[in-house]
Amino acid sequence: MQSVLTAEEMREADYESVIKLRVTERQLMELAGKEACNILLEKFADADGKLAGKRFLIVSGKGNNGGDGIVLARHLINAGATVDLIHLCEESQLKPDGAATLKTLKQYLIHTDKIRVFEADEFFPEVVLKTRYDFAVDAVLGTGYRSAKQPKSLTQTGVEPPQKFEAEPRPALSEVIKNAVLFINAKKKEGAYVVALDMPTGTDGTSGAVPDVAVEADLTITLAFLKTGLFLGEGRRHAGEIALADISIPDFLAKPSACKLTDENFVRRILPERAAGSAKHQNGKVLIVAGSQGAAQSMMGAAIMSVRAALASGAGYVCAAVPESAFNLMHQAAPEAILISQDMTQIAEKIEWADAVAVGCGLGRSPEQMNFAAKLLSLPALQKKKTIIDADALFAIAELSLLDSLQLSDAILTPHVKELERLIRISAQEIESERLFYVKEFAKRYAFGLLLKGSPTLIAANEKLFLCNSGTAALATAGTGDVLSGLIVSFAAQGLSTADAAAAAAYIHGLAGSFAGKSVNRISATDVINSLVPVFNYLENPA
């Protein structure tokens, strides 16, 4: 799996490459510019493998990202392009490596008219303002921008109800940089294809926040490692397409705790396989405590979705604890499932039997139902059991303030952002602005893990951190969360850790949504379940 680094983790990896591997910053700069050019050649080269006739504008800052842009300018000229370079400071203000590479580039001025170099502060040369470009390259800040807003630690939240989040002041971009961003975006409107080096300027490399203005890239060529800010917040929209440039910083320099991007190879590698001749009890025993039914309201659909997903994903046995009044309905919807009542003694016995347990889908939110969930979650048999907690069980934990008293050592909670708001008493808006921070903080504070649903889905459990980007907006419909719970508990019962089960389930869930979207415009949870078979066939039998 690819590592996805925060801006700080990337700076540490850069530093480690210089200290431990004796790589110079100048070498990294040269590789960054060269590899960025190679990516552009792969995408846009003519029949001769050149960029002849293409006019590039490169706007570079005074740091290392600016140096990368200056190196890129040289390689673009070598590839046949015409380049205008604007550096946003006096040459004396450039870092030594950037100044050295600019000096080399200026030698080109003696021998070719395919390069023009300008120095600009708040005002850009008239000739550049009037020129039409095929490409505009942002090499101003890279990952060097970090918004000043500091998220709240979970220990600062107290027990007060969530308050409306008031955005804290963030440092404005300097006028020079802001004007550069607006200038690049203006060139985009004129038809230029915008390329950002490492990160679009104005976008936080860690959180993806855009507190002011930011470059609206068509392509971001990110260096060495993917960055979390490319997938979070507004970073997703500002990054455009993402390409990764290998600049010879090895993966072992990324912290072991760094986020990992789930992908097909990871899922194929860990997907549980049935041994030849194995019996059903050897293929995972699942208990799902879900569903409620009354005269005025039934929530049995949630239980059905969860059970059907667990069955479709390979669990050998699936037992559902549902209201006795719903047995006939459940047998019709999922005849393969074993059914027991929601009697606590029966449930406790089945917890001992099960390899993994899911609790919460459609349990209901009345005082009696919340007390039932609280009693269930306090059962000693559940303390060391792989447990997936979702939906109405999360509601009960929040309403009854149970989070700090839960004694569950191998559980994972699977909230969406509004459910997490109730649990940690921090507004959904604040959480969305710092999704990664709050997921990591949660995992640090509690013994159990967290899967935060959304785009992307983030998972922190068993000292692992995953980012799943396979989802689709079409999954934002009733019942799909119940499907996800069924997948997680099934994989956990089949032998995966709760972290790996959640990561694999989130990826497959997203892939099933995409598969379903190919045949129906507006998908339902049933469509997602029906797409699981073709998804597993695709993963297990790649073309």
Foldseek 3Di string as FASTA:
>chain_A
DFFAAALVLVVLLVVCCCVVVVDDLLLLLLLLLVLVLVVCLVVPNDPVSAPAPAEEEEEAEQESLSLSSLSNCVVNVVRHAAYEYEYADPLVSHDPSSNVSNVVSVVVVVPDPSYHYHYHHLDDDPVVLPDQGQAYEYSYQAQNDAWPDDFDFLVPQPLDFFDPDDDDDTDDDPSRVVSVQVSQQVSVVVNHQYEYEQAWPQANQAALDRPDGTHQHLAYAREQGHTNNCQADVNVRRHRHYHYRHSPSDPVSRDPLTAAEDDLVLLLVQQFDDDPPDALLLQFAEEEEAWDDDPVDTQCLLVLLLQLLLVLSTRSAYEYAYAPVCVVVSCVSPVRHHYDHLDLVVVLVVLLSGQEYEYDRHQDADPVSLVSLVVNQPRPSQLEHEYEYEHNSLVSCLVVVCPVVGRHQQYEYEEELVSVCSNSNYDSVSCSSHVPVVQVSVVVVDNYKYWYVDRWIWIAGPSHIYTYRLADPLCPAPNLVSSLSSQLRSSSRSPDGSRSSNSSSSNLSRVLVVVLCVPDVRDDSVSSSVSSVVSVCCSNPPD
